[in-house]
N, C-alpha and C. Protein backbone atom coordinates (compact mmCIF):
# COMPACT_ATOMS: atom_id res chain seq x y z
N MET A 1 -4.67 19.20 8.94
CA MET A 1 -3.10 18.55 8.92
C MET A 1 -3.38 17.92 10.18
N GLU A 2 -3.66 16.55 10.21
CA GLU A 2 -4.03 15.58 11.71
C GLU A 2 -3.12 15.25 12.41
N GLU A 3 -2.85 14.88 13.08
CA GLU A 3 -1.72 14.69 13.89
C GLU A 3 -2.15 13.29 14.84
N TYR A 4 -2.15 12.36 14.88
CA TYR A 4 -2.14 10.76 15.82
C TYR A 4 -1.37 10.65 16.37
N LYS A 5 -1.17 9.90 17.59
CA LYS A 5 0.42 9.61 18.42
C LYS A 5 -0.72 8.53 19.68
N ASN A 6 -0.67 7.75 19.38
CA ASN A 6 -1.36 6.44 20.94
C ASN A 6 -1.46 5.93 20.27
N GLU A 7 -1.92 4.86 21.42
CA GLU A 7 -0.93 3.60 21.99
C GLU A 7 -2.31 2.67 19.99
N ASP A 8 -2.99 2.94 20.83
CA ASP A 8 -4.81 1.90 19.47
C ASP A 8 -4.29 2.81 18.69
N ASP A 9 -3.76 3.93 17.48
CA ASP A 9 -3.07 3.92 16.33
C ASP A 9 -2.33 2.56 15.67
N LEU A 10 -1.11 2.41 16.41
CA LEU A 10 0.15 1.62 16.53
C LEU A 10 -0.97 0.66 16.54
N SER A 11 -1.63 0.12 17.34
CA SER A 11 -2.11 -1.16 16.76
C SER A 11 -2.39 -1.46 16.00
N ASP A 12 -3.66 -0.50 15.62
CA ASP A 12 -4.38 -0.45 13.96
C ASP A 12 -3.19 -0.20 12.93
N ILE A 13 -2.41 0.49 12.81
CA ILE A 13 -1.51 0.36 12.43
C ILE A 13 -0.59 -1.15 11.73
N LYS A 14 -0.59 -2.37 12.49
CA LYS A 14 0.08 -3.56 12.86
C LYS A 14 -0.13 -4.23 12.60
N ILE A 15 -2.26 -4.03 12.56
CA ILE A 15 -3.18 -5.10 12.75
C ILE A 15 -3.43 -4.99 11.64
N ASP A 16 -3.42 -3.65 10.49
CA ASP A 16 -3.03 -3.45 8.65
C ASP A 16 -2.29 -4.09 7.83
N TYR A 17 -0.96 -4.25 8.84
CA TYR A 17 0.61 -4.72 7.83
C TYR A 17 0.52 -6.35 8.03
N ILE A 18 -0.41 -7.06 9.26
CA ILE A 18 -0.71 -8.40 9.51
C ILE A 18 -1.37 -8.63 8.32
N LYS A 19 -2.76 -7.88 8.06
CA LYS A 19 -3.66 -8.34 7.17
C LYS A 19 -3.55 -8.36 5.43
N ASN A 20 -2.28 -7.24 5.42
CA ASN A 20 -1.92 -7.06 4.02
C ASN A 20 -0.62 -8.30 3.87
N PHE A 21 -0.17 -8.51 5.04
CA PHE A 21 0.34 -9.81 4.69
C PHE A 21 0.18 -10.49 4.46
N VAL A 22 -1.03 -10.94 5.16
CA VAL A 22 -1.42 -12.64 5.31
C VAL A 22 -2.63 -12.68 3.81
N ASP A 23 -3.28 -11.33 2.76
CA ASP A 23 -3.58 -11.26 1.41
C ASP A 23 -2.36 -11.83 0.96
N ALA A 24 -0.78 -10.73 0.37
CA ALA A 24 0.11 -11.19 0.24
C ALA A 24 0.26 -12.71 -0.55
N GLN A 25 0.13 -13.44 0.59
CA GLN A 25 0.51 -14.56 0.75
C GLN A 25 -0.62 -15.66 0.87
N LEU A 26 -1.66 -15.26 0.37
CA LEU A 26 -2.67 -15.75 -0.19
C LEU A 26 -3.14 -15.85 -1.06
N ASP A 27 -2.26 -15.05 -2.16
CA ASP A 27 -2.47 -14.46 -3.21
C ASP A 27 -0.92 -15.14 -3.53
N LYS A 28 0.17 -14.99 -2.97
CA LYS A 28 1.20 -15.42 -3.68
C LYS A 28 1.05 -17.45 -4.17
N ILE A 29 0.00 -17.90 -3.53
CA ILE A 29 0.28 -19.40 -3.09
C ILE A 29 -0.82 -19.68 -4.44
N GLY A 30 -2.27 -18.87 -4.91
CA GLY A 30 -2.77 -18.78 -5.64
C GLY A 30 -4.24 -19.35 -4.93
N VAL A 31 -4.08 -19.07 -3.76
CA VAL A 31 -4.82 -19.35 -2.48
C VAL A 31 -7.15 -18.46 -3.86
N TYR A 32 -6.32 -17.51 -3.72
CA TYR A 32 -7.99 -16.29 -4.63
C TYR A 32 -8.18 -17.28 -6.22
N ASN A 33 -6.95 -17.31 -7.07
CA ASN A 33 -7.31 -18.22 -7.78
C ASN A 33 -8.50 -19.55 -7.96
N LYS A 34 -7.66 -20.41 -6.77
CA LYS A 34 -8.42 -21.97 -6.60
C LYS A 34 -10.12 -21.46 -6.21
N ILE A 35 -10.13 -20.18 -5.27
CA ILE A 35 -11.74 -19.86 -4.91
C ILE A 35 -12.53 -19.42 -5.66
N LYS A 36 -11.76 -18.76 -6.74
CA LYS A 36 -12.06 -18.31 -7.83
C LYS A 36 -12.77 -19.62 -9.26
N SER A 37 -12.10 -20.33 -9.13
CA SER A 37 -12.76 -21.10 -10.05
C SER A 37 -12.95 -21.98 -9.51
N PHE A 38 -13.77 -22.84 -8.45
CA PHE A 38 -14.89 -23.24 -7.64
C PHE A 38 -15.37 -23.07 -7.81
N VAL A 39 -15.77 -21.39 -7.26
CA VAL A 39 -17.48 -20.58 -7.28
C VAL A 39 -17.88 -20.86 -8.64
N GLU A 40 -16.63 -20.68 -9.82
CA GLU A 40 -17.52 -20.28 -11.46
C GLU A 40 -17.98 -22.22 -11.81
N GLU A 41 -17.40 -23.23 -11.19
CA GLU A 41 -17.25 -24.75 -11.58
C GLU A 41 -18.82 -25.31 -10.67
N ASN A 42 -18.86 -24.33 -9.12
CA ASN A 42 -20.22 -24.66 -8.61
C ASN A 42 -21.11 -23.16 -8.14
N ILE A 43 -21.00 -22.55 -9.27
CA ILE A 43 -22.32 -21.28 -9.05
C ILE A 43 -23.26 -21.09 -8.62
N ASP A 44 -24.62 -22.94 -7.86
CA ASP A 44 -25.43 -22.96 -7.66
C ASP A 44 -25.72 -23.95 -6.67
N GLU A 45 -24.80 -23.61 -6.20
CA GLU A 45 -24.31 -25.29 -4.93
C GLU A 45 -23.57 -24.70 -4.01
N VAL A 46 -23.14 -23.06 -4.18
CA VAL A 46 -22.17 -22.75 -3.79
C VAL A 46 -22.50 -22.81 -1.84
N ASP A 47 -21.69 -23.06 -0.91
CA ASP A 47 -22.11 -22.41 0.87
C ASP A 47 -20.69 -22.35 1.17
N GLU A 48 -20.38 -21.49 2.24
CA GLU A 48 -18.74 -21.99 3.43
C GLU A 48 -19.05 -23.11 3.74
N GLU A 49 -19.66 -23.34 3.92
CA GLU A 49 -19.12 -25.47 4.11
C GLU A 49 -18.94 -26.28 3.37
N ASN A 50 -19.56 -25.96 2.38
CA ASN A 50 -19.43 -26.66 0.76
C ASN A 50 -18.13 -26.30 0.21
N LEU A 51 -17.52 -24.76 0.27
CA LEU A 51 -16.64 -25.13 0.27
C LEU A 51 -15.73 -24.87 0.25
N ILE A 52 -15.22 -24.15 2.33
CA ILE A 52 -14.23 -24.90 2.37
C ILE A 52 -13.90 -26.10 2.91
N THR A 53 -15.05 -28.01 2.81
CA THR A 53 -14.38 -28.84 2.61
C THR A 53 -13.91 -28.76 1.67
N ARG A 54 -14.64 -28.16 0.19
CA ARG A 54 -13.79 -28.29 -1.43
C ARG A 54 -12.30 -28.36 -1.00
N LEU A 55 -11.93 -27.13 -0.93
CA LEU A 55 -10.51 -26.38 0.03
C LEU A 55 -9.94 -27.56 0.71
N LYS A 56 -9.91 -28.00 1.64
CA LYS A 56 -9.84 -28.84 2.25
C LYS A 56 -9.13 -30.04 1.17
N GLU A 57 -10.36 -31.00 0.41
CA GLU A 57 -10.19 -32.24 -0.18
C GLU A 57 -8.96 -31.82 -1.69
N GLY A 58 -8.64 -30.51 -1.83
CA GLY A 58 -7.43 -30.01 -2.67
C GLY A 58 -6.35 -29.51 -2.08
N GLY A 59 -5.80 -29.75 -0.62
CA GLY A 59 -4.64 -29.63 -0.49
C GLY A 59 -4.52 -27.48 -0.47
N VAL A 60 -5.93 -27.43 -0.72
CA VAL A 60 -5.45 -25.72 -0.10
C VAL A 60 -5.41 -25.47 1.49
N ILE A 61 -5.89 -25.80 2.05
CA ILE A 61 -5.95 -25.41 3.60
C ILE A 61 -4.26 -25.84 4.35
N ASP A 62 -4.24 -27.28 4.03
CA ASP A 62 -2.56 -27.13 3.90
C ASP A 62 -1.09 -26.55 3.74
N ASP A 63 -1.74 -26.45 2.26
CA ASP A 63 -0.31 -25.19 2.03
C ASP A 63 -0.76 -24.49 1.84
N ILE A 64 -2.50 -23.21 2.82
CA ILE A 64 -1.79 -22.56 3.79
C ILE A 64 -1.20 -22.62 5.34
N ILE A 65 -1.10 -23.23 5.51
CA ILE A 65 0.05 -23.59 6.59
C ILE A 65 1.58 -24.04 6.46
N GLU A 66 1.25 -24.52 5.79
CA GLU A 66 2.91 -25.19 5.57
C GLU A 66 3.43 -23.08 4.51
N ASN A 67 3.17 -22.81 4.22
CA ASN A 67 3.34 -21.74 3.72
C ASN A 67 3.40 -20.70 5.02
N PHE A 68 2.35 -20.77 5.91
CA PHE A 68 3.17 -19.89 6.99
C PHE A 68 4.18 -20.47 8.28
N ASN A 69 3.59 -21.66 8.20
CA ASN A 69 4.60 -22.43 8.79
C ASN A 69 6.34 -21.86 8.40
N SER A 70 7.16 -22.73 6.81
CA SER A 70 7.97 -21.60 6.56
C SER A 70 8.49 -20.71 6.48
N ARG A 71 6.95 -19.90 6.76
CA ARG A 71 7.94 -17.57 6.72
C ARG A 71 8.05 -17.90 7.85
N GLY A 72 7.44 -18.22 8.81
CA GLY A 72 7.81 -18.12 10.89
C GLY A 72 9.75 -18.92 11.17
N ILE A 73 9.22 -20.09 10.48
CA ILE A 73 10.86 -20.28 10.04
C ILE A 73 12.44 -19.30 9.47
N GLU A 74 11.87 -19.07 8.90
CA GLU A 74 12.40 -17.49 7.95
C GLU A 74 12.94 -17.13 8.24
N ASN A 75 11.64 -15.84 9.01
CA ASN A 75 11.50 -15.10 9.73
C ASN A 75 12.77 -14.99 10.60
N LYS A 76 12.41 -16.45 11.77
CA LYS A 76 13.03 -16.34 13.04
C LYS A 76 14.60 -16.72 12.87
N LYS A 77 15.23 -17.53 11.42
CA LYS A 77 16.43 -16.97 10.70
C LYS A 77 16.95 -16.10 10.78
N GLY A 78 16.54 -14.98 9.54
CA GLY A 78 16.82 -14.13 9.18
C GLY A 78 15.96 -12.82 9.66
N ILE A 79 15.94 -12.80 10.79
CA ILE A 79 15.33 -10.98 11.31
C ILE A 79 15.92 -9.95 11.40
N ASP A 80 16.16 -9.20 10.96
CA ASP A 80 16.94 -7.98 10.41
C ASP A 80 16.93 -6.99 11.66
N LYS A 81 16.92 -6.47 13.07
CA LYS A 81 16.38 -6.12 14.20
C LYS A 81 17.29 -4.13 13.86
N ASN A 82 18.37 -4.48 12.91
CA ASN A 82 18.39 -2.67 12.65
C ASN A 82 17.61 -2.47 11.61
N ARG A 83 17.10 -3.39 11.24
CA ARG A 83 16.18 -3.06 9.57
C ARG A 83 15.00 -1.56 10.50
N ARG A 84 15.54 -0.44 9.31
CA ARG A 84 14.70 1.15 9.28
C ARG A 84 13.07 1.07 8.25
N MET A 85 12.28 1.56 8.56
CA MET A 85 11.49 1.94 7.55
C MET A 85 10.30 2.76 7.78
N ILE A 86 9.48 3.17 6.80
CA ILE A 86 8.35 4.29 7.15
C ILE A 86 7.52 3.02 7.04
N TYR A 87 6.51 2.95 7.68
CA TYR A 87 4.73 2.09 7.13
C TYR A 87 4.33 3.05 6.44
N PHE A 88 4.41 3.30 5.47
CA PHE A 88 3.44 4.21 5.08
C PHE A 88 1.76 3.83 4.35
N LYS A 89 0.88 4.62 3.86
CA LYS A 89 -0.85 4.70 3.72
C LYS A 89 -1.51 4.84 3.44
N LEU A 90 -1.56 4.92 2.11
CA LEU A 90 -2.70 5.15 1.77
C LEU A 90 -3.76 5.26 1.76
N LEU A 91 -4.83 6.02 1.87
CA LEU A 91 -6.20 6.03 2.62
C LEU A 91 -7.13 5.81 2.23
N ARG A 92 -6.67 7.22 1.72
CA ARG A 92 -8.54 8.10 0.75
C ARG A 92 -8.05 9.01 -0.51
N GLY A 93 -8.93 9.59 -1.76
CA GLY A 93 -9.33 10.82 -1.90
C GLY A 93 -9.59 11.30 -2.27
N LYS A 94 -9.92 12.32 -1.94
CA LYS A 94 -11.51 13.54 -2.64
C LYS A 94 -10.67 14.76 -3.47
N GLY A 95 -11.84 14.81 -3.65
CA GLY A 95 -12.45 16.39 -4.24
C GLY A 95 -11.49 16.40 -6.21
N PHE A 96 -11.73 15.24 -6.77
CA PHE A 96 -11.28 15.15 -8.43
C PHE A 96 -12.45 14.99 -9.12
N VAL A 97 -12.93 16.61 -8.93
CA VAL A 97 -14.16 16.67 -9.29
C VAL A 97 -13.97 16.82 -11.28
N ASP A 98 -12.73 17.51 -11.09
CA ASP A 98 -13.01 18.23 -13.05
C ASP A 98 -12.51 17.36 -13.64
N TYR A 99 -12.17 16.20 -12.97
CA TYR A 99 -11.33 15.49 -14.12
C TYR A 99 -11.93 14.22 -14.69
N LEU A 100 -13.66 13.76 -13.64
CA LEU A 100 -14.43 13.22 -14.01
C LEU A 100 -14.69 13.82 -15.47
N ASN A 101 -15.03 14.69 -16.23
CA ASN A 101 -15.46 14.99 -17.38
C ASN A 101 -14.47 14.72 -18.39
N PHE A 102 -13.37 14.24 -18.46
CA PHE A 102 -12.28 13.59 -19.35
C PHE A 102 -12.21 12.30 -19.31
N VAL A 103 -12.19 11.20 -18.31
CA VAL A 103 -12.94 10.52 -18.45
C VAL A 103 -13.65 9.36 -19.28
N GLU A 104 -12.70 8.35 -20.02
CA GLU A 104 -13.12 7.46 -20.65
C GLU A 104 -13.84 5.80 -20.11
N PRO A 105 -14.58 5.30 -20.66
CA PRO A 105 -14.86 4.31 -19.88
C PRO A 105 -14.15 3.28 -20.10
N ASN A 106 -13.96 1.73 -18.46
CA ASN A 106 -12.90 1.55 -18.86
C ASN A 106 -11.05 1.99 -18.04
N THR A 107 -11.41 3.11 -17.22
CA THR A 107 -10.69 3.62 -16.57
C THR A 107 -10.64 3.81 -15.19
N TYR A 108 -9.23 3.36 -14.82
CA TYR A 108 -8.76 3.30 -13.62
C TYR A 108 -7.60 4.36 -13.07
N TYR A 109 -7.63 4.66 -11.51
CA TYR A 109 -6.63 4.87 -10.67
C TYR A 109 -5.57 4.26 -10.94
N GLN A 110 -4.51 5.32 -10.41
CA GLN A 110 -3.46 3.85 -9.52
C GLN A 110 -2.68 4.37 -9.34
N PHE A 111 -1.76 4.19 -8.65
CA PHE A 111 -0.88 5.65 -7.46
C PHE A 111 0.66 4.75 -7.94
N ASP A 112 1.39 4.93 -8.32
CA ASP A 112 2.76 5.25 -7.82
C ASP A 112 4.31 5.28 -6.78
N VAL A 113 4.61 4.57 -6.17
CA VAL A 113 5.33 5.21 -4.61
C VAL A 113 6.59 5.01 -5.33
N LEU A 114 7.18 6.40 -4.75
CA LEU A 114 9.02 5.68 -5.38
C LEU A 114 9.63 6.28 -4.29
N PHE A 115 10.80 6.00 -3.43
CA PHE A 115 11.23 6.88 -2.25
C PHE A 115 12.85 5.68 -2.37
N LEU A 116 13.91 6.18 -2.96
CA LEU A 116 15.61 5.71 -1.95
C LEU A 116 15.19 4.64 -2.99
N GLY A 117 15.06 4.25 -4.94
CA GLY A 117 15.01 3.72 -5.08
C GLY A 117 13.86 2.81 -5.28
N GLN A 118 13.27 2.82 -4.81
CA GLN A 118 12.06 2.05 -4.49
C GLN A 118 10.75 1.92 -5.09
N ARG A 119 10.17 1.43 -5.50
CA ARG A 119 9.53 1.79 -6.51
C ARG A 119 8.09 0.78 -6.01
N PHE A 120 6.71 1.89 -5.41
CA PHE A 120 5.53 0.57 -5.09
C PHE A 120 4.73 0.79 -6.56
N LYS A 121 4.29 -0.27 -7.02
CA LYS A 121 2.61 0.38 -6.80
C LYS A 121 1.22 -0.11 -6.51
N SER A 122 0.02 0.84 -6.74
CA SER A 122 -1.29 0.43 -6.17
C SER A 122 -2.07 -0.30 -6.85
N LYS A 123 -3.32 -0.85 -5.60
CA LYS A 123 -4.31 -1.39 -7.01
C LYS A 123 -4.51 -0.39 -7.67
N LYS A 124 -5.15 -0.99 -8.91
CA LYS A 124 -6.50 0.38 -9.53
C LYS A 124 -7.38 0.50 -8.61
N ILE A 125 -7.87 1.67 -8.77
CA ILE A 125 -9.04 1.92 -8.73
C ILE A 125 -9.63 2.43 -9.67
N SER A 126 -11.62 1.84 -9.32
CA SER A 126 -12.07 2.70 -9.90
C SER A 126 -12.56 3.87 -9.93
N VAL A 127 -12.50 4.87 -10.64
CA VAL A 127 -12.62 6.61 -10.92
C VAL A 127 -13.62 6.94 -10.30
N SER A 128 -13.30 8.40 -9.48
CA SER A 128 -14.91 8.27 -8.66
C SER A 128 -14.05 10.22 -8.02
N SER A 129 -14.74 11.23 -7.74
CA SER A 129 -14.37 12.05 -7.31
C SER A 129 -13.92 11.94 -6.04
N GLU A 130 -14.68 11.04 -4.93
CA GLU A 130 -13.90 10.50 -3.62
C GLU A 130 -14.07 8.83 -3.79
N PHE A 131 -12.96 7.81 -3.15
CA PHE A 131 -12.25 7.21 -3.65
C PHE A 131 -11.62 6.47 -2.20
N ASN A 132 -12.14 4.65 -2.05
CA ASN A 132 -10.79 4.29 -1.12
C ASN A 132 -9.92 4.01 -2.09
N ILE A 133 -8.20 4.23 -1.43
CA ILE A 133 -7.66 3.31 -1.39
C ILE A 133 -6.63 2.14 -0.13
N ASP A 134 -6.69 2.67 1.01
CA ASP A 134 -6.50 1.32 1.66
C ASP A 134 -5.03 0.53 1.59
N GLN A 135 -4.28 1.36 1.10
CA GLN A 135 -2.74 0.43 1.00
C GLN A 135 -1.60 1.10 1.26
N ILE A 136 -0.91 -0.39 1.86
CA ILE A 136 0.25 0.50 3.03
C ILE A 136 1.05 -0.42 1.65
N PHE A 137 2.37 0.30 1.71
CA PHE A 137 3.74 0.00 1.77
C PHE A 137 5.47 0.43 2.89
N LEU A 138 5.79 -0.18 2.90
CA LEU A 138 7.26 -0.21 3.60
C LEU A 138 8.42 -0.30 2.88
N LEU A 139 9.08 1.17 3.37
CA LEU A 139 9.72 1.64 2.87
C LEU A 139 11.16 1.80 3.45
N ASP A 140 12.06 1.32 2.67
CA ASP A 140 12.84 0.94 4.05
C ASP A 140 14.32 1.93 3.36
N PHE A 141 14.90 2.11 4.42
CA PHE A 141 15.55 3.43 4.45
C PHE A 141 16.52 2.92 3.75
N ASN A 142 17.38 1.74 3.90
CA ASN A 142 18.15 0.72 2.78
C ASN A 142 17.86 -0.25 2.95
N PRO A 143 17.39 -0.10 1.36
CA PRO A 143 17.30 -1.34 0.33
C PRO A 143 18.71 -1.85 -0.34
N LEU A 144 19.32 -1.30 -0.43
CA LEU A 144 20.55 -2.16 -1.00
C LEU A 144 21.41 -2.82 0.37
N LYS A 145 20.98 -3.11 1.77
CA LYS A 145 21.68 -2.86 3.07
C LYS A 145 23.21 -2.97 2.91
N LEU A 146 23.17 -1.89 2.69
CA LEU A 146 24.46 -1.60 2.71
C LEU A 146 24.71 -1.63 4.29
N ASP A 147 26.49 -1.75 4.59
CA ASP A 147 26.91 -1.75 5.76
C ASP A 147 27.15 -0.42 6.91
N ILE A 148 26.04 0.77 6.86
CA ILE A 148 26.08 2.03 7.13
C ILE A 148 24.74 2.11 8.88
N SER A 149 25.16 3.24 9.11
CA SER A 149 24.16 3.35 10.19
C SER A 149 22.89 4.29 10.51
N ILE A 150 21.63 3.94 10.56
CA ILE A 150 20.65 4.85 10.07
C ILE A 150 19.91 4.86 11.25
N ASP A 151 20.54 5.74 12.28
CA ASP A 151 20.02 6.70 13.35
C ASP A 151 19.08 7.97 13.34
N PHE A 152 18.66 8.39 14.22
CA PHE A 152 17.80 9.34 13.96
C PHE A 152 18.66 11.03 13.60
N GLU A 153 19.61 10.71 13.91
CA GLU A 153 20.68 12.08 13.39
C GLU A 153 21.04 11.92 11.84
N THR A 154 21.28 10.42 11.31
CA THR A 154 21.30 10.64 9.67
C THR A 154 20.31 10.18 9.18
N LEU A 155 18.77 10.30 10.32
CA LEU A 155 17.57 10.53 9.11
C LEU A 155 17.27 12.00 9.00
N LYS A 156 18.05 12.81 9.92
CA LYS A 156 17.49 14.36 9.61
C LYS A 156 18.27 14.82 9.03
N LYS A 157 18.58 14.70 8.64
CA LYS A 157 20.31 14.66 7.19
C LYS A 157 19.55 14.41 5.97
N LEU A 158 18.53 12.97 6.02
CA LEU A 158 18.63 12.40 4.74
C LEU A 158 17.26 12.98 4.39
N SER A 159 17.25 14.06 2.46
CA SER A 159 16.90 14.75 1.35
C SER A 159 16.31 14.01 1.00
N ALA A 160 15.04 13.27 1.21
CA ALA A 160 15.01 12.52 0.35
C ALA A 160 13.11 11.94 0.09
N PRO A 161 12.45 12.62 0.14
CA PRO A 161 11.11 12.94 0.10
C PRO A 161 10.60 11.60 -1.42
N ILE A 162 9.82 11.77 -0.74
CA ILE A 162 8.65 10.36 -0.85
C ILE A 162 7.10 11.12 -1.96
N HIS A 163 8.17 10.09 -3.29
CA HIS A 163 7.62 10.85 -4.28
C HIS A 163 5.73 9.77 -5.34
N ILE A 164 4.55 10.55 -4.82
CA ILE A 164 3.64 10.69 -5.21
C ILE A 164 3.53 10.57 -6.39
N VAL A 165 2.68 9.58 -7.39
CA VAL A 165 3.01 9.78 -8.78
C VAL A 165 1.24 9.68 -9.20
N MET A 166 0.39 10.15 -9.42
CA MET A 166 -0.61 9.08 -10.01
C MET A 166 -1.26 9.62 -10.86
N LEU A 167 -1.84 8.28 -11.06
CA LEU A 167 -2.15 7.71 -12.77
C LEU A 167 -3.05 7.83 -12.94
N THR A 168 -4.06 7.41 -14.74
CA THR A 168 -4.80 6.68 -15.02
C THR A 168 -4.14 5.52 -16.09
N ILE A 169 -4.53 4.82 -16.17
CA ILE A 169 -4.87 3.70 -16.40
C ILE A 169 -6.07 3.40 -17.34
N CYS A 170 -5.73 3.35 -19.55
CA CYS A 170 -7.06 2.90 -19.68
C CYS A 170 -6.77 1.61 -21.03
N ASP A 171 -6.90 1.12 -20.94
CA ASP A 171 -6.73 -0.25 -22.35
C ASP A 171 -4.94 -0.19 -22.05
N ASP A 172 -4.13 -0.25 -21.18
CA ASP A 172 -2.39 -0.34 -21.09
C ASP A 172 -1.82 0.70 -21.27
N LYS A 173 -2.86 2.07 -21.22
CA LYS A 173 -2.83 2.91 -21.60
C LYS A 173 -2.27 4.38 -20.28
N LYS A 174 -1.60 4.69 -19.58
CA LYS A 174 -1.08 5.97 -18.64
C LYS A 174 -0.44 6.64 -18.76
N THR A 175 -1.29 7.40 -17.89
CA THR A 175 -1.26 8.88 -18.41
C THR A 175 -1.23 9.74 -16.38
N VAL A 176 -0.13 10.36 -17.01
CA VAL A 176 -0.06 11.31 -15.27
C VAL A 176 -0.31 12.28 -15.42
N ILE A 177 -1.01 11.79 -14.08
CA ILE A 177 -2.37 13.13 -13.76
C ILE A 177 -2.02 14.65 -12.94
N SER A 178 -1.68 13.42 -11.39
CA SER A 178 -0.59 14.43 -10.56
C SER A 178 0.01 13.72 -10.05
N THR A 179 1.29 14.94 -9.08
CA THR A 179 2.00 14.43 -8.13
C THR A 179 1.82 15.08 -6.95
N LYS A 180 2.62 14.43 -6.23
CA LYS A 180 3.23 15.20 -4.97
C LYS A 180 4.21 14.47 -4.79
N ASN A 181 5.56 15.17 -4.02
CA ASN A 181 6.40 14.72 -2.89
C ASN A 181 6.69 15.95 -1.62
N LEU A 182 5.82 14.30 -0.61
CA LEU A 182 5.75 14.49 0.74
C LEU A 182 7.26 14.31 1.44
N GLU A 183 7.33 15.28 2.36
CA GLU A 183 8.19 15.50 3.24
C GLU A 183 8.08 14.55 4.00
N TRP A 184 8.39 13.38 4.79
CA TRP A 184 8.36 12.74 5.59
C TRP A 184 9.22 12.68 6.66
N ARG A 185 9.92 13.33 6.96
CA ARG A 185 10.79 14.30 8.19
C ARG A 185 9.39 14.14 9.32
N TRP A 186 8.84 14.63 9.09
CA TRP A 186 7.92 15.56 10.34
C TRP A 186 7.94 14.05 11.30
N THR A 187 7.84 13.41 10.68
CA THR A 187 7.34 12.04 11.21
C THR A 187 8.00 12.00 12.55
N LEU A 188 9.91 11.80 12.24
CA LEU A 188 10.42 11.82 13.47
C LEU A 188 9.96 12.63 14.74
N SER A 189 8.86 14.16 14.51
CA SER A 189 8.52 14.50 15.63
C SER A 189 7.66 13.76 15.81
N TYR A 190 6.41 13.82 15.12
CA TYR A 190 5.43 12.72 15.76
C TYR A 190 5.08 11.39 15.60
N GLY A 191 6.39 10.57 14.98
CA GLY A 191 6.10 9.20 15.39
C GLY A 191 5.20 8.65 14.31
N THR A 192 3.76 9.20 14.96
CA THR A 192 2.73 8.90 13.40
C THR A 192 2.52 9.92 13.12
N TRP A 193 2.11 10.12 11.32
CA TRP A 193 1.89 11.08 10.87
C TRP A 193 0.34 10.72 9.77
N LYS A 194 -0.71 11.50 10.22
CA LYS A 194 -1.68 11.65 9.33
C LYS A 194 -1.96 13.10 8.49
N ILE A 195 -1.64 13.09 6.92
CA ILE A 195 -2.18 13.86 6.46
C ILE A 195 -3.23 14.34 4.66
N GLU A 196 -3.61 15.17 5.05
CA GLU A 196 -4.16 15.21 3.58
C GLU A 196 -3.03 16.45 2.71
N ALA A 197 -3.09 15.52 2.02
CA ALA A 197 -1.85 16.13 1.43
C ALA A 197 -2.16 16.70 -0.81
N ASP A 198 -2.01 17.66 -0.67
CA ASP A 198 -2.40 18.17 -2.29
C ASP A 198 -1.88 17.20 -3.46
N MET A 199 -2.19 16.57 -4.70
CA MET A 199 -2.11 16.87 -5.21
C MET A 199 -2.87 17.49 -6.46
N PHE A 200 -0.74 18.18 -7.51
CA PHE A 200 -0.73 18.85 -8.58
C PHE A 200 -0.29 17.97 -9.42
N SER A 201 -0.90 18.54 -10.26
CA SER A 201 -1.33 18.20 -12.06
C SER A 201 -0.05 19.35 -13.03
N PRO A 202 1.15 18.20 -13.55
CA PRO A 202 1.51 18.43 -13.99
C PRO A 202 2.01 19.86 -14.95
N GLU A 203 0.77 19.10 -15.58
CA GLU A 203 0.52 20.77 -16.82
C GLU A 203 0.21 22.25 -16.08
N ASN A 204 -0.17 22.68 -15.21
CA ASN A 204 -0.15 23.88 -14.23
C ASN A 204 0.38 23.80 -14.25
N MET A 205 2.33 23.92 -13.91
CA MET A 205 3.32 23.58 -13.21
C MET A 205 3.27 23.93 -11.96
N ASN A 206 2.15 22.86 -11.09
CA ASN A 206 2.62 23.32 -10.18
C ASN A 206 1.27 23.76 -9.30
N LYS A 207 0.77 24.01 -9.66
CA LYS A 207 -0.13 25.91 -9.39
C LYS A 207 -1.49 25.25 -8.68
N LEU A 208 -1.83 24.20 -9.61
CA LEU A 208 -3.16 24.28 -9.12
C LEU A 208 -3.64 23.36 -9.25
N ASN A 209 -4.05 22.44 -7.42
CA ASN A 209 -4.52 21.65 -6.56
C ASN A 209 -5.11 20.76 -7.72
N VAL A 210 -5.43 19.06 -7.88
CA VAL A 210 -6.67 18.96 -8.73
C VAL A 210 -7.41 17.61 -7.88
N GLY A 211 -6.81 17.46 -6.09
CA GLY A 211 -7.44 16.94 -5.53
C GLY A 211 -6.27 16.61 -4.20
N THR A 212 -6.89 15.91 -3.16
CA THR A 212 -6.28 15.35 -1.78
C THR A 212 -6.52 14.13 -1.59
N ILE A 213 -5.68 13.15 -1.26
CA ILE A 213 -5.61 12.00 -0.24
C ILE A 213 -4.81 11.86 0.86
N GLU A 214 -5.67 11.04 1.07
CA GLU A 214 -5.34 11.19 2.85
C GLU A 214 -3.97 9.68 2.98
N VAL A 215 -2.70 10.56 3.82
CA VAL A 215 -1.62 9.77 3.68
C VAL A 215 -2.31 9.27 5.30
N LYS A 216 -1.35 7.78 5.92
CA LYS A 216 -0.50 8.64 7.29
C LYS A 216 0.66 7.82 6.80
N LEU A 217 1.79 7.58 7.88
CA LEU A 217 2.79 7.60 8.14
C LEU A 217 3.28 7.45 9.27
N THR A 218 4.29 6.11 9.90
CA THR A 218 4.49 5.44 10.75
C THR A 218 6.34 5.66 10.85
N ILE A 219 7.28 5.90 11.43
CA ILE A 219 8.74 4.91 11.15
C ILE A 219 9.09 4.66 12.11
N TYR A 220 9.74 3.51 11.53
CA TYR A 220 10.66 2.59 12.41
C TYR A 220 11.73 2.36 13.10
N LEU A 221 12.87 3.48 14.38
CA LEU A 221 13.82 3.70 14.37
C LEU A 221 13.73 2.47 15.05
């Protein structure tokens, strides 16, 4: 078990959050689809300068600027200083060797993260014994925005683990191959906590792990 609690680590976390926020916003306003369409239409003459020029002419750059300006105004108006959350990052997986013998073509891994009624899905990951996930989720301690106080003492008593489910997806068919209930309250002591968590198959009654995933948690109070 590896622990981290330093300013450089926290800075990396903030940078990762910004990168994922920007990525989500670009995907939301369709930038990636527009770039893909342009590349497919001009496959023999694509270069960086030509691509940027076409994006400007198509109004894509203006859309990006307007989107982030509007998001900045919304955040200034609606920021919640009392919001409490866990910054949860799935880093990578390893040791999933035995399972590779049963994989069909066009099969992908996917992780579901469940916490206090919230459900998050990871991107699809190519099946391998070792793989990178590199995805961030913000787990809210008060997703229903109830008028309650969420302080250190309250969180110490909150028995609600982060439930991680690892699935395979093949032609829209989903199969659970392993699960993990992660006790996040250790993060109250460490600030930032990085661990390798054993994933257990429901078929062997959680007696044998099928692999491990590396995760990082940071709690914001």
